[in-house]
N, C-alpha and C. Protein backbone atom coordinates (compact mmCIF):
# COMPACT_ATOMS: atom_id res chain seq x y z
N UNK A 1 -83.17 -1.57 4.10
CA UNK A 1 -81.84 -1.82 4.67
C UNK A 1 -81.97 -2.04 6.17
N UNK A 2 -81.40 -3.12 6.69
CA UNK A 2 -81.57 -3.42 8.12
C UNK A 2 -80.78 -2.45 9.00
N UNK A 3 -81.28 -2.29 10.23
CA UNK A 3 -80.57 -1.50 11.22
C UNK A 3 -79.45 -2.36 11.82
N UNK A 4 -78.30 -1.75 12.01
CA UNK A 4 -77.18 -2.47 12.62
C UNK A 4 -77.24 -2.23 14.12
N UNK A 5 -77.58 -3.28 14.87
CA UNK A 5 -77.78 -3.17 16.31
C UNK A 5 -76.72 -3.98 17.05
N UNK A 6 -76.00 -3.32 17.91
CA UNK A 6 -74.99 -4.01 18.73
C UNK A 6 -75.69 -4.79 19.83
N UNK A 7 -75.21 -5.98 20.09
CA UNK A 7 -75.73 -6.82 21.17
C UNK A 7 -74.67 -6.93 22.24
N UNK A 8 -74.97 -6.38 23.42
CA UNK A 8 -74.07 -6.44 24.57
C UNK A 8 -74.78 -7.25 25.65
N UNK A 9 -74.51 -8.55 25.74
CA UNK A 9 -75.30 -9.44 26.61
C UNK A 9 -75.23 -9.11 28.09
N UNK A 10 -74.17 -8.44 28.54
CA UNK A 10 -74.04 -8.18 29.97
C UNK A 10 -73.57 -9.41 30.71
N UNK A 11 -73.93 -9.53 31.98
CA UNK A 11 -73.56 -10.69 32.79
C UNK A 11 -74.68 -10.97 33.79
N UNK A 12 -74.51 -11.98 34.61
CA UNK A 12 -75.61 -12.37 35.51
C UNK A 12 -76.80 -12.83 34.67
N UNK A 13 -77.96 -12.20 34.87
CA UNK A 13 -79.15 -12.57 34.09
C UNK A 13 -79.15 -11.90 32.72
N UNK A 14 -78.16 -11.04 32.46
CA UNK A 14 -78.13 -10.29 31.22
C UNK A 14 -78.27 -11.10 29.95
N UNK A 15 -77.45 -12.15 29.75
CA UNK A 15 -77.55 -12.92 28.51
C UNK A 15 -78.94 -13.51 28.26
N UNK A 16 -79.60 -13.97 29.34
CA UNK A 16 -80.95 -14.53 29.17
C UNK A 16 -81.94 -13.45 28.75
N UNK A 17 -81.85 -12.27 29.36
CA UNK A 17 -82.76 -11.18 29.05
C UNK A 17 -82.56 -10.70 27.61
N UNK A 18 -81.31 -10.56 27.22
CA UNK A 18 -81.01 -10.08 25.86
C UNK A 18 -81.45 -11.11 24.81
N UNK A 19 -81.23 -12.38 25.08
CA UNK A 19 -81.65 -13.42 24.14
C UNK A 19 -83.17 -13.39 23.93
N UNK A 20 -83.92 -13.16 25.02
CA UNK A 20 -85.38 -13.07 24.90
C UNK A 20 -85.79 -11.85 24.08
N UNK A 21 -85.10 -10.72 24.30
CA UNK A 21 -85.41 -9.50 23.55
C UNK A 21 -85.12 -9.70 22.06
N UNK A 22 -84.06 -10.42 21.75
CA UNK A 22 -83.75 -10.69 20.34
C UNK A 22 -84.82 -11.55 19.69
N UNK A 23 -85.33 -12.52 20.45
CA UNK A 23 -86.38 -13.38 19.89
C UNK A 23 -87.64 -12.57 19.59
N UNK A 24 -87.95 -11.61 20.46
CA UNK A 24 -89.11 -10.76 20.23
C UNK A 24 -88.92 -9.95 18.95
N UNK A 25 -87.74 -9.36 18.79
CA UNK A 25 -87.48 -8.56 17.59
C UNK A 25 -87.55 -9.41 16.33
N UNK A 26 -87.04 -10.62 16.41
CA UNK A 26 -87.06 -11.50 15.24
C UNK A 26 -88.48 -11.97 14.93
N UNK A 27 -89.27 -12.22 15.97
CA UNK A 27 -90.66 -12.63 15.76
C UNK A 27 -91.47 -11.51 15.13
N UNK A 28 -91.09 -10.27 15.41
CA UNK A 28 -91.78 -9.12 14.83
C UNK A 28 -91.24 -8.76 13.46
N UNK A 29 -90.31 -9.58 12.97
CA UNK A 29 -89.70 -9.36 11.65
C UNK A 29 -89.04 -7.99 11.56
N UNK A 30 -88.42 -7.56 12.66
CA UNK A 30 -87.73 -6.28 12.67
C UNK A 30 -86.52 -6.35 11.74
N UNK A 31 -86.31 -5.32 10.93
CA UNK A 31 -85.16 -5.31 10.00
C UNK A 31 -83.86 -5.01 10.75
N UNK A 32 -83.30 -6.05 11.36
CA UNK A 32 -82.14 -5.87 12.25
C UNK A 32 -81.01 -6.77 11.83
N UNK A 33 -79.81 -6.22 11.88
CA UNK A 33 -78.58 -6.98 11.69
C UNK A 33 -77.82 -6.91 13.01
N UNK A 34 -77.66 -8.04 13.70
CA UNK A 34 -77.07 -8.07 15.03
C UNK A 34 -75.55 -8.08 14.97
N UNK A 35 -74.92 -7.37 15.88
CA UNK A 35 -73.46 -7.37 16.03
C UNK A 35 -73.15 -7.59 17.50
N UNK A 36 -72.65 -8.76 17.82
CA UNK A 36 -72.38 -9.12 19.21
C UNK A 36 -71.03 -8.53 19.65
N UNK A 37 -71.03 -7.84 20.80
CA UNK A 37 -69.81 -7.19 21.30
C UNK A 37 -69.57 -7.58 22.76
N UNK A 38 -68.30 -7.66 23.17
CA UNK A 38 -67.99 -8.06 24.55
C UNK A 38 -68.25 -6.94 25.55
N UNK A 39 -68.79 -7.31 26.71
CA UNK A 39 -69.04 -6.35 27.78
C UNK A 39 -69.22 -7.12 29.09
N UNK A 40 -69.00 -6.47 30.21
CA UNK A 40 -69.26 -7.09 31.50
C UNK A 40 -68.16 -8.05 31.94
N UNK A 41 -68.53 -8.97 32.81
CA UNK A 41 -67.56 -9.90 33.38
C UNK A 41 -66.90 -10.80 32.34
N UNK A 42 -67.62 -11.31 31.33
CA UNK A 42 -66.93 -12.08 30.28
C UNK A 42 -65.85 -11.26 29.57
N UNK A 43 -66.14 -9.98 29.32
CA UNK A 43 -65.14 -9.11 28.69
C UNK A 43 -63.95 -8.90 29.61
N UNK A 44 -64.21 -8.79 30.91
CA UNK A 44 -63.13 -8.63 31.89
C UNK A 44 -62.19 -9.83 31.85
N UNK A 45 -62.75 -11.03 31.74
CA UNK A 45 -61.93 -12.23 31.70
C UNK A 45 -61.09 -12.30 30.43
N UNK A 46 -61.62 -11.80 29.32
CA UNK A 46 -60.92 -11.92 28.03
C UNK A 46 -60.03 -10.72 27.72
N UNK A 47 -60.50 -9.51 28.06
CA UNK A 47 -59.79 -8.29 27.68
C UNK A 47 -59.19 -7.52 28.85
N UNK A 48 -59.51 -7.93 30.08
CA UNK A 48 -58.98 -7.23 31.24
C UNK A 48 -59.79 -6.04 31.68
N UNK A 49 -60.95 -5.81 31.07
CA UNK A 49 -61.82 -4.70 31.45
C UNK A 49 -63.26 -5.06 31.11
N UNK A 50 -64.19 -4.47 31.84
CA UNK A 50 -65.61 -4.75 31.58
C UNK A 50 -66.14 -3.99 30.37
N UNK A 51 -65.34 -3.05 29.83
CA UNK A 51 -65.76 -2.31 28.64
C UNK A 51 -64.54 -2.11 27.73
N UNK A 52 -64.25 -3.09 26.87
CA UNK A 52 -63.06 -3.01 26.01
C UNK A 52 -63.16 -1.88 24.97
N UNK A 53 -62.00 -1.43 24.50
CA UNK A 53 -61.96 -0.40 23.47
C UNK A 53 -62.65 -0.84 22.19
N UNK A 54 -62.54 -2.13 21.87
CA UNK A 54 -63.17 -2.62 20.64
C UNK A 54 -64.68 -2.43 20.69
N UNK A 55 -65.27 -2.58 21.86
CA UNK A 55 -66.71 -2.38 22.00
C UNK A 55 -67.08 -0.92 21.80
N UNK A 56 -66.33 -0.02 22.42
CA UNK A 56 -66.59 1.41 22.25
C UNK A 56 -66.45 1.83 20.80
N UNK A 57 -65.44 1.30 20.14
CA UNK A 57 -65.19 1.66 18.75
C UNK A 57 -66.30 1.16 17.83
N UNK A 58 -66.68 -0.09 17.98
CA UNK A 58 -67.71 -0.67 17.12
C UNK A 58 -69.08 -0.04 17.36
N UNK A 59 -69.35 0.38 18.58
CA UNK A 59 -70.65 0.98 18.88
C UNK A 59 -70.90 2.24 18.06
N UNK A 60 -69.85 2.98 17.75
CA UNK A 60 -70.02 4.22 16.99
C UNK A 60 -70.43 3.95 15.54
N UNK A 61 -70.34 2.69 15.10
CA UNK A 61 -70.74 2.35 13.73
C UNK A 61 -72.16 1.78 13.68
N UNK A 62 -72.79 1.65 14.83
CA UNK A 62 -74.11 1.00 14.90
C UNK A 62 -75.24 2.03 14.98
N UNK A 63 -76.43 1.58 14.60
CA UNK A 63 -77.62 2.42 14.70
C UNK A 63 -78.21 2.42 16.11
N UNK A 64 -77.89 1.41 16.88
CA UNK A 64 -78.41 1.30 18.23
C UNK A 64 -77.73 0.15 18.93
N UNK A 65 -78.10 -0.07 20.19
CA UNK A 65 -77.48 -1.14 20.97
C UNK A 65 -78.49 -1.74 21.94
N UNK A 66 -78.35 -3.02 22.19
CA UNK A 66 -79.17 -3.74 23.16
C UNK A 66 -78.23 -4.20 24.27
N UNK A 67 -78.32 -3.52 25.43
CA UNK A 67 -77.43 -3.79 26.55
C UNK A 67 -78.19 -4.54 27.64
N UNK A 68 -77.66 -5.69 28.04
CA UNK A 68 -78.29 -6.48 29.07
C UNK A 68 -77.91 -6.03 30.47
N UNK A 69 -78.62 -6.52 31.49
CA UNK A 69 -78.29 -6.19 32.88
C UNK A 69 -76.86 -6.59 33.24
N UNK A 70 -76.31 -5.88 34.21
CA UNK A 70 -74.93 -6.10 34.64
C UNK A 70 -74.87 -6.21 36.16
N UNK A 71 -74.03 -7.08 36.66
CA UNK A 71 -73.89 -7.24 38.11
C UNK A 71 -72.86 -6.24 38.64
N UNK A 72 -73.16 -4.95 38.49
CA UNK A 72 -72.19 -3.90 38.82
C UNK A 72 -71.83 -3.85 40.30
N UNK A 73 -72.69 -4.44 41.15
CA UNK A 73 -72.35 -4.44 42.58
C UNK A 73 -71.09 -5.25 42.85
N UNK A 74 -70.72 -6.13 41.90
CA UNK A 74 -69.53 -6.95 42.07
C UNK A 74 -68.30 -6.33 41.40
N UNK A 75 -68.48 -5.20 40.72
CA UNK A 75 -67.37 -4.55 40.03
C UNK A 75 -66.51 -3.78 41.03
N UNK A 76 -65.20 -3.97 40.95
CA UNK A 76 -64.27 -3.30 41.85
C UNK A 76 -63.07 -2.82 41.06
N UNK A 77 -62.66 -1.57 41.28
CA UNK A 77 -61.43 -1.06 40.69
C UNK A 77 -61.61 -0.44 39.31
N UNK A 78 -60.60 0.28 38.82
CA UNK A 78 -60.67 0.99 37.55
C UNK A 78 -60.80 0.09 36.32
N UNK A 79 -60.43 -1.18 36.44
CA UNK A 79 -60.54 -2.09 35.30
C UNK A 79 -61.96 -2.63 35.13
N UNK A 80 -62.85 -2.26 36.05
CA UNK A 80 -64.22 -2.76 35.99
C UNK A 80 -65.21 -1.59 36.06
N UNK A 81 -65.19 -0.71 35.06
CA UNK A 81 -66.16 0.39 35.05
C UNK A 81 -67.57 -0.12 34.76
N UNK A 82 -68.55 0.66 35.15
CA UNK A 82 -69.94 0.35 34.84
C UNK A 82 -70.18 0.69 33.36
N UNK A 83 -70.33 -0.29 32.47
CA UNK A 83 -70.50 0.01 31.05
C UNK A 83 -71.68 0.93 30.76
N UNK A 84 -72.77 0.76 31.49
CA UNK A 84 -73.94 1.60 31.27
C UNK A 84 -73.61 3.07 31.50
N UNK A 85 -72.92 3.36 32.60
CA UNK A 85 -72.57 4.74 32.92
C UNK A 85 -71.61 5.32 31.89
N UNK A 86 -70.61 4.54 31.50
CA UNK A 86 -69.63 5.04 30.53
C UNK A 86 -70.28 5.31 29.18
N UNK A 87 -71.13 4.41 28.73
CA UNK A 87 -71.78 4.58 27.43
C UNK A 87 -72.70 5.79 27.42
N UNK A 88 -73.42 6.00 28.52
CA UNK A 88 -74.33 7.14 28.58
C UNK A 88 -73.57 8.46 28.48
N UNK A 89 -72.47 8.56 29.20
CA UNK A 89 -71.72 9.80 29.18
C UNK A 89 -70.87 9.94 27.92
N UNK A 90 -70.19 8.87 27.51
CA UNK A 90 -69.30 8.93 26.34
C UNK A 90 -70.07 9.18 25.05
N UNK A 91 -71.25 8.57 24.91
CA UNK A 91 -72.02 8.69 23.68
C UNK A 91 -73.13 9.73 23.77
N UNK A 92 -73.21 10.44 24.88
CA UNK A 92 -74.22 11.48 25.01
C UNK A 92 -75.63 10.96 25.08
N UNK A 93 -75.83 9.80 25.71
CA UNK A 93 -77.16 9.19 25.81
C UNK A 93 -77.85 9.74 27.06
N UNK A 94 -78.23 11.00 27.01
CA UNK A 94 -78.72 11.69 28.21
C UNK A 94 -80.21 11.53 28.44
N UNK A 95 -80.98 11.14 27.42
CA UNK A 95 -82.43 11.08 27.56
C UNK A 95 -82.91 9.63 27.61
N UNK A 96 -83.40 9.22 28.76
CA UNK A 96 -83.97 7.88 28.92
C UNK A 96 -85.47 8.01 28.68
N UNK A 97 -85.95 7.55 27.53
CA UNK A 97 -87.34 7.77 27.11
C UNK A 97 -88.18 6.55 27.49
N UNK A 98 -89.20 6.80 28.33
CA UNK A 98 -90.03 5.70 28.84
C UNK A 98 -91.51 6.02 28.65
N UNK A 99 -92.14 5.45 27.64
CA UNK A 99 -93.58 5.64 27.46
C UNK A 99 -94.37 4.86 28.50
N UNK A 100 -95.44 5.45 29.01
CA UNK A 100 -96.31 4.82 30.00
C UNK A 100 -97.74 4.95 29.50
N UNK A 101 -98.40 3.83 29.25
CA UNK A 101 -99.73 3.86 28.64
C UNK A 101 -100.64 2.84 29.31
N UNK A 102 -101.85 3.27 29.64
CA UNK A 102 -102.84 2.35 30.21
C UNK A 102 -103.58 1.64 29.07
N UNK A 103 -103.61 0.33 29.12
CA UNK A 103 -104.23 -0.45 28.05
C UNK A 103 -105.63 -0.90 28.47
N UNK A 104 -106.54 -0.89 27.52
CA UNK A 104 -107.91 -1.34 27.76
C UNK A 104 -107.91 -2.79 28.22
N UNK A 105 -108.69 -3.07 29.26
CA UNK A 105 -108.79 -4.43 29.77
C UNK A 105 -107.78 -4.77 30.84
N UNK A 106 -106.81 -3.86 31.08
CA UNK A 106 -105.80 -4.08 32.11
C UNK A 106 -106.09 -3.12 33.27
N UNK A 107 -106.38 -3.63 34.47
CA UNK A 107 -106.71 -2.75 35.60
C UNK A 107 -105.63 -1.71 35.84
N UNK A 108 -106.05 -0.47 36.01
CA UNK A 108 -105.10 0.62 36.23
C UNK A 108 -105.77 1.71 37.06
N UNK A 109 -105.06 2.27 37.99
CA UNK A 109 -105.61 3.33 38.83
C UNK A 109 -105.97 4.56 37.98
N UNK A 110 -105.22 4.79 36.92
CA UNK A 110 -105.48 5.93 36.03
C UNK A 110 -105.71 5.40 34.61
N UNK A 111 -106.93 5.01 34.27
CA UNK A 111 -107.20 4.38 32.98
C UNK A 111 -106.92 5.26 31.78
N UNK A 112 -106.84 6.59 31.96
CA UNK A 112 -106.55 7.49 30.85
C UNK A 112 -105.06 7.82 30.76
N UNK A 113 -104.25 7.18 31.55
CA UNK A 113 -102.82 7.49 31.59
C UNK A 113 -102.17 7.26 30.24
N UNK A 114 -101.50 8.28 29.75
CA UNK A 114 -100.79 8.18 28.47
C UNK A 114 -99.70 9.25 28.48
N UNK A 115 -98.54 8.92 29.03
CA UNK A 115 -97.47 9.89 29.17
C UNK A 115 -96.15 9.29 28.68
N UNK A 116 -95.20 10.15 28.48
CA UNK A 116 -93.83 9.73 28.16
C UNK A 116 -92.90 10.40 29.16
N UNK A 117 -92.15 9.61 29.89
CA UNK A 117 -91.17 10.14 30.83
C UNK A 117 -89.82 10.19 30.13
N UNK A 118 -89.20 11.36 30.14
CA UNK A 118 -87.87 11.53 29.55
C UNK A 118 -86.91 11.86 30.68
N UNK A 119 -86.16 10.89 31.11
CA UNK A 119 -85.33 11.01 32.31
C UNK A 119 -83.88 11.33 31.97
N UNK A 120 -83.27 12.19 32.77
CA UNK A 120 -81.86 12.56 32.58
C UNK A 120 -80.97 11.40 33.04
N UNK A 121 -80.03 11.01 32.18
CA UNK A 121 -79.22 9.83 32.42
C UNK A 121 -77.79 10.09 32.88
N UNK A 122 -77.29 11.30 32.71
CA UNK A 122 -75.86 11.51 32.87
C UNK A 122 -75.46 12.32 34.09
N UNK A 123 -76.43 12.91 34.80
CA UNK A 123 -76.10 13.72 35.96
C UNK A 123 -76.92 13.28 37.17
N UNK A 124 -77.11 14.19 38.12
CA UNK A 124 -77.88 13.86 39.32
C UNK A 124 -76.99 13.28 40.40
N UNK A 125 -77.48 12.25 41.08
CA UNK A 125 -76.76 11.65 42.20
C UNK A 125 -76.10 10.33 41.82
N UNK A 126 -75.92 10.10 40.53
CA UNK A 126 -75.19 8.90 40.12
C UNK A 126 -73.75 9.02 40.59
N UNK A 127 -73.34 8.19 41.52
CA UNK A 127 -72.00 8.30 42.10
C UNK A 127 -70.90 8.01 41.08
N UNK A 128 -71.22 7.22 40.05
CA UNK A 128 -70.18 6.80 39.11
C UNK A 128 -70.02 7.72 37.91
N UNK A 129 -70.72 8.85 37.87
CA UNK A 129 -70.60 9.71 36.70
C UNK A 129 -70.74 11.20 37.00
N UNK A 130 -70.66 11.62 38.24
CA UNK A 130 -70.86 13.03 38.53
C UNK A 130 -69.61 13.77 38.99
N UNK A 131 -68.43 13.12 38.91
CA UNK A 131 -67.17 13.79 39.18
C UNK A 131 -66.17 13.43 38.08
N UNK A 132 -65.23 14.33 37.83
CA UNK A 132 -64.24 14.07 36.79
C UNK A 132 -63.35 12.88 37.16
N UNK A 133 -62.90 12.87 38.40
CA UNK A 133 -62.03 11.79 38.88
C UNK A 133 -62.61 11.15 40.13
N UNK A 134 -62.75 9.85 40.11
CA UNK A 134 -63.18 9.15 41.31
C UNK A 134 -64.69 9.12 41.50
N UNK A 135 -65.07 8.48 42.59
CA UNK A 135 -66.47 8.28 42.91
C UNK A 135 -67.08 9.53 43.53
N UNK A 136 -68.38 9.73 43.30
CA UNK A 136 -69.06 10.90 43.83
C UNK A 136 -69.66 10.71 45.21
N UNK A 137 -69.28 9.63 45.90
CA UNK A 137 -69.74 9.40 47.26
C UNK A 137 -68.54 9.42 48.21
N UNK A 138 -68.67 10.19 49.27
CA UNK A 138 -67.60 10.34 50.25
C UNK A 138 -68.03 9.67 51.55
N UNK A 139 -67.11 8.96 52.19
CA UNK A 139 -67.42 8.25 53.44
C UNK A 139 -66.54 8.80 54.55
N UNK A 140 -67.04 9.77 55.33
CA UNK A 140 -66.26 10.30 56.45
C UNK A 140 -66.04 9.29 57.57
N UNK A 141 -66.95 8.32 57.68
CA UNK A 141 -66.77 7.22 58.63
C UNK A 141 -67.52 6.02 58.08
N UNK A 142 -67.34 4.84 58.66
CA UNK A 142 -67.94 3.62 58.10
C UNK A 142 -69.47 3.64 58.03
N UNK A 143 -70.10 4.51 58.80
CA UNK A 143 -71.56 4.51 58.86
C UNK A 143 -72.20 5.70 58.15
N UNK A 144 -71.41 6.50 57.43
CA UNK A 144 -71.93 7.73 56.83
C UNK A 144 -71.46 7.85 55.39
N UNK A 145 -72.40 8.23 54.51
CA UNK A 145 -72.07 8.48 53.11
C UNK A 145 -72.59 9.87 52.73
N UNK A 146 -71.74 10.69 52.15
CA UNK A 146 -72.12 12.00 51.63
C UNK A 146 -72.08 11.91 50.11
N UNK A 147 -73.20 12.18 49.46
CA UNK A 147 -73.28 12.03 48.01
C UNK A 147 -73.28 13.40 47.34
N UNK A 148 -72.51 13.52 46.27
CA UNK A 148 -72.44 14.75 45.48
C UNK A 148 -73.48 14.68 44.37
N UNK A 149 -74.31 15.71 44.27
CA UNK A 149 -75.34 15.76 43.25
C UNK A 149 -74.97 16.80 42.19
N UNK A 150 -74.95 16.38 40.93
CA UNK A 150 -74.57 17.26 39.84
C UNK A 150 -75.80 17.66 39.02
N UNK A 151 -76.05 18.94 38.89
CA UNK A 151 -77.15 19.46 38.08
C UNK A 151 -76.64 20.68 37.31
N UNK A 152 -76.76 20.67 35.99
CA UNK A 152 -76.34 21.83 35.20
C UNK A 152 -77.51 22.34 34.37
N UNK A 153 -77.47 23.64 34.08
CA UNK A 153 -78.50 24.25 33.26
C UNK A 153 -78.54 23.61 31.87
N UNK A 154 -77.36 23.35 31.30
CA UNK A 154 -77.30 22.79 29.95
C UNK A 154 -77.97 21.43 29.87
N UNK A 155 -77.73 20.58 30.87
CA UNK A 155 -78.32 19.24 30.86
C UNK A 155 -79.83 19.30 31.02
N UNK A 156 -80.31 20.18 31.90
CA UNK A 156 -81.75 20.32 32.09
C UNK A 156 -82.42 20.84 30.81
N UNK A 157 -81.78 21.81 30.16
CA UNK A 157 -82.36 22.40 28.96
C UNK A 157 -82.44 21.40 27.82
N UNK A 158 -81.38 20.62 27.61
CA UNK A 158 -81.41 19.67 26.50
C UNK A 158 -82.41 18.55 26.77
N UNK A 159 -82.63 18.22 28.04
CA UNK A 159 -83.61 17.19 28.36
C UNK A 159 -85.02 17.64 28.01
N UNK A 160 -85.34 18.88 28.37
CA UNK A 160 -86.67 19.41 28.05
C UNK A 160 -86.84 19.53 26.54
N UNK A 161 -85.78 19.95 25.84
CA UNK A 161 -85.86 20.03 24.38
C UNK A 161 -86.13 18.66 23.78
N UNK A 162 -85.47 17.63 24.31
CA UNK A 162 -85.68 16.27 23.80
C UNK A 162 -87.13 15.84 23.97
N UNK A 163 -87.74 16.23 25.09
CA UNK A 163 -89.14 15.86 25.34
C UNK A 163 -90.09 16.58 24.39
N UNK A 164 -89.70 17.76 23.94
CA UNK A 164 -90.60 18.56 23.12
C UNK A 164 -90.46 18.30 21.62
N UNK A 165 -89.44 17.59 21.20
CA UNK A 165 -89.23 17.40 19.77
C UNK A 165 -89.34 15.94 19.35
N UNK A 166 -89.88 15.08 20.21
CA UNK A 166 -90.04 13.68 19.83
C UNK A 166 -90.94 13.59 18.60
N UNK A 167 -90.54 12.84 17.58
CA UNK A 167 -91.32 12.77 16.34
C UNK A 167 -92.74 12.29 16.58
N UNK A 168 -93.75 13.00 16.04
CA UNK A 168 -95.14 12.58 16.24
C UNK A 168 -95.46 11.24 15.60
N UNK A 169 -94.60 10.77 14.70
CA UNK A 169 -94.84 9.47 14.07
C UNK A 169 -94.66 8.30 15.02
N UNK A 170 -93.99 8.52 16.14
CA UNK A 170 -93.83 7.45 17.12
C UNK A 170 -95.18 7.12 17.72
N UNK A 171 -95.44 5.86 17.93
CA UNK A 171 -96.77 5.44 18.38
C UNK A 171 -97.18 6.08 19.69
N UNK A 172 -96.18 6.39 20.56
CA UNK A 172 -96.52 6.91 21.87
C UNK A 172 -96.30 8.41 21.99
N UNK A 173 -95.87 9.04 20.91
CA UNK A 173 -95.62 10.48 20.98
C UNK A 173 -96.93 11.23 21.00
N UNK A 174 -96.96 12.32 21.72
CA UNK A 174 -98.17 13.11 21.87
C UNK A 174 -97.97 14.47 21.23
N UNK A 175 -98.77 14.83 20.21
CA UNK A 175 -98.61 16.13 19.57
C UNK A 175 -98.85 17.26 20.56
N UNK A 176 -98.08 18.33 20.42
CA UNK A 176 -98.30 19.50 21.27
C UNK A 176 -97.63 19.37 22.61
N UNK A 177 -96.37 19.71 22.67
CA UNK A 177 -95.61 19.54 23.91
C UNK A 177 -96.22 20.36 25.04
N UNK A 178 -96.89 21.47 24.73
CA UNK A 178 -97.41 22.34 25.76
C UNK A 178 -98.53 21.75 26.58
N UNK A 179 -99.08 20.60 26.17
CA UNK A 179 -100.20 20.03 26.91
C UNK A 179 -99.78 19.60 28.30
N UNK A 180 -98.59 19.05 28.43
CA UNK A 180 -98.09 18.70 29.76
C UNK A 180 -96.61 18.44 29.66
N UNK A 181 -95.82 19.44 29.96
CA UNK A 181 -94.38 19.26 29.90
C UNK A 181 -93.73 20.07 30.99
N UNK A 182 -92.77 19.49 31.67
CA UNK A 182 -92.08 20.21 32.72
C UNK A 182 -91.25 19.27 33.55
N UNK A 183 -90.49 19.77 34.50
CA UNK A 183 -89.66 18.89 35.31
C UNK A 183 -90.51 18.07 36.26
N UNK A 184 -90.07 16.86 36.53
CA UNK A 184 -90.79 15.99 37.45
C UNK A 184 -89.81 15.14 38.23
N UNK A 185 -90.25 14.66 39.38
CA UNK A 185 -89.43 13.77 40.19
C UNK A 185 -89.38 12.42 39.51
N UNK A 186 -88.18 11.85 39.38
CA UNK A 186 -88.04 10.58 38.67
C UNK A 186 -87.84 9.40 39.60
N UNK A 187 -88.04 9.60 40.88
CA UNK A 187 -88.00 8.47 41.80
C UNK A 187 -86.70 8.32 42.56
N UNK A 188 -85.68 9.14 42.25
CA UNK A 188 -84.44 9.09 43.01
C UNK A 188 -83.83 10.47 42.99
N UNK A 189 -83.14 10.87 44.06
CA UNK A 189 -82.58 12.22 44.13
C UNK A 189 -81.67 12.50 42.95
N UNK A 190 -81.84 13.66 42.36
CA UNK A 190 -80.95 14.09 41.30
C UNK A 190 -81.35 13.63 39.92
N UNK A 191 -82.32 12.76 39.81
CA UNK A 191 -82.76 12.30 38.50
C UNK A 191 -83.99 13.11 38.10
N UNK A 192 -83.82 13.92 37.07
CA UNK A 192 -84.90 14.79 36.65
C UNK A 192 -85.56 14.24 35.41
N UNK A 193 -86.78 14.68 35.15
CA UNK A 193 -87.46 14.19 33.96
C UNK A 193 -88.36 15.26 33.38
N UNK A 194 -88.64 15.13 32.11
CA UNK A 194 -89.66 15.94 31.47
C UNK A 194 -90.81 15.01 31.14
N UNK A 195 -92.02 15.48 31.35
CA UNK A 195 -93.20 14.64 31.13
C UNK A 195 -94.07 15.28 30.06
N UNK A 196 -94.58 14.46 29.15
CA UNK A 196 -95.56 14.96 28.20
C UNK A 196 -96.64 13.90 28.04
N UNK A 197 -97.89 14.33 27.86
CA UNK A 197 -98.94 13.35 27.70
C UNK A 197 -100.32 13.95 27.75
N UNK A 198 -101.33 13.11 27.61
CA UNK A 198 -102.71 13.56 27.57
C UNK A 198 -103.35 13.57 28.95
N UNK A 199 -102.95 12.63 29.79
CA UNK A 199 -103.56 12.55 31.13
C UNK A 199 -102.46 12.39 32.14
N UNK A 200 -102.30 13.39 32.99
CA UNK A 200 -101.24 13.35 33.99
C UNK A 200 -101.85 13.33 35.38
N UNK A 201 -101.77 12.21 36.11
CA UNK A 201 -102.35 12.17 37.45
C UNK A 201 -101.58 13.07 38.39
N UNK A 202 -102.27 13.67 39.34
CA UNK A 202 -101.64 14.54 40.32
C UNK A 202 -101.51 13.81 41.65
N UNK A 203 -100.36 14.02 42.30
CA UNK A 203 -100.14 13.41 43.60
C UNK A 203 -99.83 11.94 43.49
N UNK A 204 -99.40 11.37 44.60
CA UNK A 204 -99.16 9.93 44.64
C UNK A 204 -97.90 9.51 43.93
N UNK A 205 -97.04 10.45 43.51
CA UNK A 205 -95.81 10.10 42.83
C UNK A 205 -94.82 9.52 43.81
N UNK A 206 -93.68 9.04 43.30
CA UNK A 206 -92.68 8.44 44.18
C UNK A 206 -92.18 9.42 45.22
N UNK A 207 -92.00 8.93 46.43
CA UNK A 207 -91.51 9.73 47.56
C UNK A 207 -92.37 10.95 47.80
N UNK A 208 -93.66 10.86 47.47
CA UNK A 208 -94.60 11.93 47.76
C UNK A 208 -94.64 13.00 46.73
N UNK A 209 -93.87 12.90 45.65
CA UNK A 209 -93.83 13.94 44.63
C UNK A 209 -94.82 13.65 43.52
N UNK A 210 -95.70 14.59 43.20
CA UNK A 210 -96.64 14.38 42.11
C UNK A 210 -96.04 14.75 40.79
N UNK A 211 -96.72 14.40 39.72
CA UNK A 211 -96.29 14.78 38.38
C UNK A 211 -96.79 16.18 38.08
N UNK A 212 -96.19 16.87 37.11
CA UNK A 212 -96.55 18.25 36.85
C UNK A 212 -97.88 18.38 36.16
N UNK A 213 -98.49 19.55 36.30
CA UNK A 213 -99.71 19.84 35.57
C UNK A 213 -99.39 20.52 34.26
N UNK A 214 -100.32 21.25 33.72
CA UNK A 214 -100.10 21.90 32.45
C UNK A 214 -99.05 22.99 32.58
N UNK A 215 -98.26 23.11 31.52
CA UNK A 215 -97.18 24.10 31.51
C UNK A 215 -97.56 25.25 30.58
N UNK A 216 -98.47 26.08 31.02
CA UNK A 216 -98.85 27.22 30.20
C UNK A 216 -99.66 26.85 29.03
């Protein structure tokens, strides 16, 4: 039985990127049934919002979704929410899972690198999702921005749990979470991650932060 995958082309370069991703899935004979849904600037022109209710409703019936890039820098006002931010918070998509693997024959500073980064998606310093009402960035004057950072125990705990229970059947999953798991810097303030893998390089991480070593 095919997986029902929503296709949200996005705007700007989004439609081109999504079309290429669909061709890859089809070339791999992936058992997929596509469902195209409106999102982004085209949705704004047709429905008056960048994320229509019909899209939110249909997404709950799908097994997954393919969301293209969005030109969110051009979005202004309550009728143009960032679809990515809304979907992550509304659907509880808190774990951004990113496998990182060094392939034979491809030059790499760490040839034994084989890790999975599980990044928190719903909190941190994201200005568009860390306050109940309004933006999480305050401007006391035209040249100054004060950003509110949201971190909760519950979000951190569920992120680490997600990193430790990834099915071993996944090609990039590493058996034994205890080999290397713990919080790590994800490259931007407020974005936390759990790391698991066989070879974790120390030092040289983004903004001077290294990846964690063994966790007990």
